C-alpha atoms as a PDB file:
ATOM      1  CA  MET A   1     100.646  97.994  94.928  1.00  0.00           C
ATOM      2  CA  ILE A   2      98.821  95.007  96.281  1.00  0.00           C
ATOM      3  CA  ASP A   3      97.962  92.036  93.986  1.00  0.00           C
ATOM      4  CA  PHE A   4      94.732  90.732  95.782  1.00  0.00           C
ATOM      5  CA  THR A   5      94.745  87.335  94.161  1.00  0.00           C
ATOM      6  CA  GLU A   6      98.455  86.711  94.974  1.00  0.00           C
ATOM      7  CA  VAL A   7      97.983  87.820  98.610  1.00  0.00           C
ATOM      8  CA  GLN A   8      94.970  85.504  99.033  1.00  0.00           C
ATOM      9  CA  THR A   9      96.894  82.588  97.458  1.00  0.00           C
ATOM     10  CA  SER A  10      99.952  83.339  99.655  1.00  0.00           C
ATOM     11  CA  VAL A  11      97.972  83.578 102.939  1.00  0.00           C
ATOM     12  CA  ARG A  12      96.301  80.282 102.224  1.00  0.00           C
ATOM     13  CA  GLU A  13      99.645  78.665 101.465  1.00  0.00           C
ATOM     14  CA  LEU A  14     101.202  80.018 104.618  1.00  0.00           C
ATOM     15  CA  LYS A  15      98.306  78.842 106.690  1.00  0.00           C
ATOM     16  CA  ARG A  16      98.771  75.345 105.222  1.00  0.00           C
ATOM     17  CA  GLN A  17     102.590  75.512 105.955  1.00  0.00           C
ATOM     18  CA  LEU A  18     101.820  76.561 109.609  1.00  0.00           C
ATOM     19  CA  GLU A  19      99.256  73.666 109.975  1.00  0.00           C
ATOM     20  CA  THR A  20     101.741  71.057 108.729  1.00  0.00           C
ATOM     21  CA  ASP A  21     104.529  72.630 110.970  1.00  0.00           C
ATOM     22  CA  LYS A  22     106.729  73.702 108.041  1.00  0.00           C
ATOM     23  CA  ILE A  23     106.898  77.163 109.563  1.00  0.00           C
ATOM     24  CA  ASP A  24     106.564  78.401 113.123  1.00  0.00           C
ATOM     25  CA  GLU A  25     104.022  80.894 114.456  1.00  0.00           C
ATOM     26  CA  GLN A  26     106.438  83.761 114.466  1.00  0.00           C
ATOM     27  CA  SER A  27     107.428  83.243 110.795  1.00  0.00           C
ATOM     28  CA  PHE A  28     103.781  82.993 109.935  1.00  0.00           C
ATOM     29  CA  GLU A  29     102.916  86.210 111.716  1.00  0.00           C
ATOM     30  CA  ASP A  30     105.967  88.018 110.099  1.00  0.00           C
ATOM     31  CA  ARG A  31     105.058  86.886 106.595  1.00  0.00           C
ATOM     32  CA  LEU A  32     101.450  87.998 107.131  1.00  0.00           C
ATOM     33  CA  LEU A  33     102.585  91.521 108.126  1.00  0.00           C
ATOM     34  CA  GLU A  34     104.640  91.682 104.963  1.00  0.00           C
ATOM     35  CA  MET A  35     101.483  91.139 102.956  1.00  0.00           C
ATOM     36  CA  VAL A  36      99.782  94.231 104.319  1.00  0.00           C
ATOM     37  CA  ASP A  37     100.014  96.744 101.380  1.00  0.00           C
ATOM     38  CA  LEU A  38      98.615  99.916  99.896  1.00  0.00           C
ATOM     39  CA  ALA A  39      96.164  99.664  97.017  1.00  0.00           C
ATOM     40  CA  GLU A  40      95.173 102.061  94.249  1.00  0.00           C
ATOM     41  CA  ASP A  41      92.387 103.476  96.440  1.00  0.00           C
ATOM     42  CA  GLY A  42      94.894 104.808  98.984  1.00  0.00           C
ATOM     43  CA  TYR A  43      93.933 102.351 101.709  1.00  0.00           C
ATOM     44  CA  TYR A  44      96.034  99.458 103.259  1.00  0.00           C
ATOM     45  CA  TRP A  45      94.443  96.062 102.902  1.00  0.00           C
ATOM     46  CA  MET A  46      95.127  92.648 104.452  1.00  0.00           C
ATOM     47  CA  PHE A  47      93.462  89.193 103.946  1.00  0.00           C
ATOM     48  CA  GLY A  48      92.288  87.545 107.204  1.00  0.00           C
ATOM     49  CA  HIS A  49      93.678  84.088 107.426  1.00  0.00           C
ATOM     50  CA  LYS A  50      90.925  82.861 109.792  1.00  0.00           C
ATOM     51  CA  SER A  51      87.934  84.663 108.291  1.00  0.00           C
ATOM     52  CA  GLU A  52      88.969  84.314 104.676  1.00  0.00           C
ATOM     53  CA  ARG A  53      87.915  87.948 104.318  1.00  0.00           C
ATOM     54  CA  TRP A  54      89.509  91.171 103.149  1.00  0.00           C
ATOM     55  CA  PHE A  55      89.997  93.950 105.642  1.00  0.00           C
ATOM     56  CA  ARG A  56      90.674  97.686 104.785  1.00  0.00           C
ATOM     57  CA  HIS A  57      92.334 100.038 107.161  1.00  0.00           C
ATOM     58  CA  ASP A  58      90.068 103.235 107.332  1.00  0.00           C
ATOM     59  CA  GLY A  59      92.788 105.408 109.058  1.00  0.00           C
ATOM     60  CA  GLN A  60      91.748 104.247 112.590  1.00  0.00           C
ATOM     61  CA  LYS A  61      90.780 100.554 112.507  1.00  0.00           C
ATOM     62  CA  TRP A  62      90.517  97.496 110.344  1.00  0.00           C
ATOM     63  CA  VAL A  63      87.176  97.138 108.732  1.00  0.00           C
ATOM     64  CA  PRO A  64      85.759  94.235 106.654  1.00  0.00           C
ATOM     65  CA  ASP A  65      85.524  95.302 103.076  1.00  0.00           C
ATOM     66  CA  GLU A  66      85.777  93.794  99.536  1.00  0.00           C
ATOM     67  CA  PRO A  67      88.341  94.988  97.024  1.00  0.00           C
ATOM     68  CA  SER A  68      86.123  94.068  94.069  1.00  0.00           C
ATOM     69  CA  GLU A  69      85.780  97.694  92.817  1.00  0.00           C
ATOM     70  CA  ILE A  70      89.565  98.090  92.705  1.00  0.00           C
ATOM     71  CA  ILE A  71      89.895  94.760  90.795  1.00  0.00           C
ATOM     72  CA  SER A  72      87.201  95.909  88.549  1.00  0.00           C
ATOM     73  CA  MET A  73      89.020  99.223  87.849  1.00  0.00           C
ATOM     74  CA  ARG A  74      92.152  97.308  87.084  1.00  0.00           C
ATOM     75  CA  SER A  75      90.287  95.118  84.564  1.00  0.00           C
ATOM     76  CA  GLN A  76      88.595  98.008  82.778  1.00  0.00           C
ATOM     77  CA  THR A  77      92.005  99.779  82.539  1.00  0.00           C
ATOM     78  CA  VAL A  78      93.607  96.656  80.905  1.00  0.00           C
ATOM     79  CA  VAL A  79      90.539  96.071  78.675  1.00  0.00           C
ATOM     80  CA  ALA A  80      90.665  99.745  77.512  1.00  0.00           C
ATOM     81  CA  GLY A  81      94.173  99.055  76.233  1.00  0.00           C
ATOM     82  CA  ARG A  82      95.705 101.141  78.932  1.00  0.00           C
ATOM     83  CA  ASN A  83      97.770  98.652  80.735  1.00  0.00           C
ATOM     84  CA  ASP A  84      99.088 101.304  83.208  1.00  0.00           C
ATOM     85  CA  ALA A  85      97.223  99.985  86.305  1.00  0.00           C
ATOM     86  CA  SER A  86     100.561  99.110  87.897  1.00  0.00           C
ATOM     87  CA  LYS A  87     101.744 102.763  87.428  1.00  0.00           C
ATOM     88  CA  PRO A  88      99.538 105.013  89.452  1.00  0.00           C
ATOM     89  CA  GLU A  89     100.060 108.721  89.336  1.00  0.00           C
ATOM     90  CA  GLU A  90     103.001 109.633  91.614  1.00  0.00           C
ATOM     91  CA  LEU A  91     102.194 111.609  94.676  1.00  0.00           C
ATOM     92  CA  PRO A  92     104.712 113.471  96.861  1.00  0.00           C
ATOM     93  CA  VAL A  93     105.270 111.587 100.118  1.00  0.00           C
ATOM     94  CA  ASN A  94     106.919 112.846 103.148  1.00  0.00           C
ATOM     95  CA  SER A  95     109.192 109.899 104.071  1.00  0.00           C
ATOM     96  CA  ALA A  96     109.073 110.286 107.824  1.00  0.00           C
ATOM     97  CA  TRP A  97     105.268 110.384 107.908  1.00  0.00           C
ATOM     98  CA  PHE A  98     105.069 107.382 105.616  1.00  0.00           C
ATOM     99  CA  ILE A  99     107.508 105.369 107.905  1.00  0.00           C
ATOM    100  CA  VAL A 100     105.492 106.420 111.070  1.00  0.00           C
ATOM    101  CA  SER A 101     102.234 105.420 109.340  1.00  0.00           C
ATOM    102  CA  LEU A 102     103.530 102.049 108.140  1.00  0.00           C
ATOM    103  CA  GLY A 103     104.831 101.364 111.791  1.00  0.00           C
ATOM    104  CA  LEU A 104     101.316 102.270 113.143  1.00  0.00           C
ATOM    105  CA  ILE A 105      99.569 100.014 110.689  1.00  0.00           C
ATOM    106  CA  THR A 106     102.036  97.178 111.368  1.00  0.00           C
ATOM    107  CA  ALA A 107     101.134  97.523 115.070  1.00  0.00           C
ATOM    108  CA  ILE A 108      97.448  97.617 114.523  1.00  0.00           C
ATOM    109  CA  GLY A 109      97.767  94.491 112.292  1.00  0.00           C
ATOM    110  CA  VAL A 110      99.563  92.697 115.100  1.00  0.00           C
ATOM    111  CA  ILE A 111      96.976  93.776 117.677  1.00  0.00           C
ATOM    112  CA  VAL A 112      94.160  92.556 115.284  1.00  0.00           C
ATOM    113  CA  TYR A 113      95.956  89.361 114.740  1.00  0.00           C
ATOM    114  CA  ILE A 114      96.639  88.721 118.430  1.00  0.00           C
ATOM    115  CA  SER A 115      93.074  89.549 119.391  1.00  0.00           C
ATOM    116  CA  SER A 116      91.705  87.212 116.785  1.00  0.00           C
ATOM    117  CA  VAL A 117      93.901  84.329 118.177  1.00  0.00           C
ATOM    118  CA  ASN A 118      92.352  84.724 121.684  1.00  0.00           C
END
């Protein structure tokens, strides 16, 4: 599951490395795509390096959103003494469907990134 704070920090660090020529554009894009991840709400999330905003994939497109409700749910779970936020209930997953979906989301992420560059 996605750690929103860690992803934000990592994206900003990658951006700094790109701006100082410590990594190339392709490495930058590859590492950004690796950070697209599933959250407890069942949606994929990514942090926009240009906009400094969060985006949630609604099943068809990336939409600006804030993960504050998910972060709040995690905090409440830990405060209540149930530190099982990192262990969500397991759901059966068809592996082929998951791989196809992940590929589609990766392609969409690349398209969003490329369109934001132009």
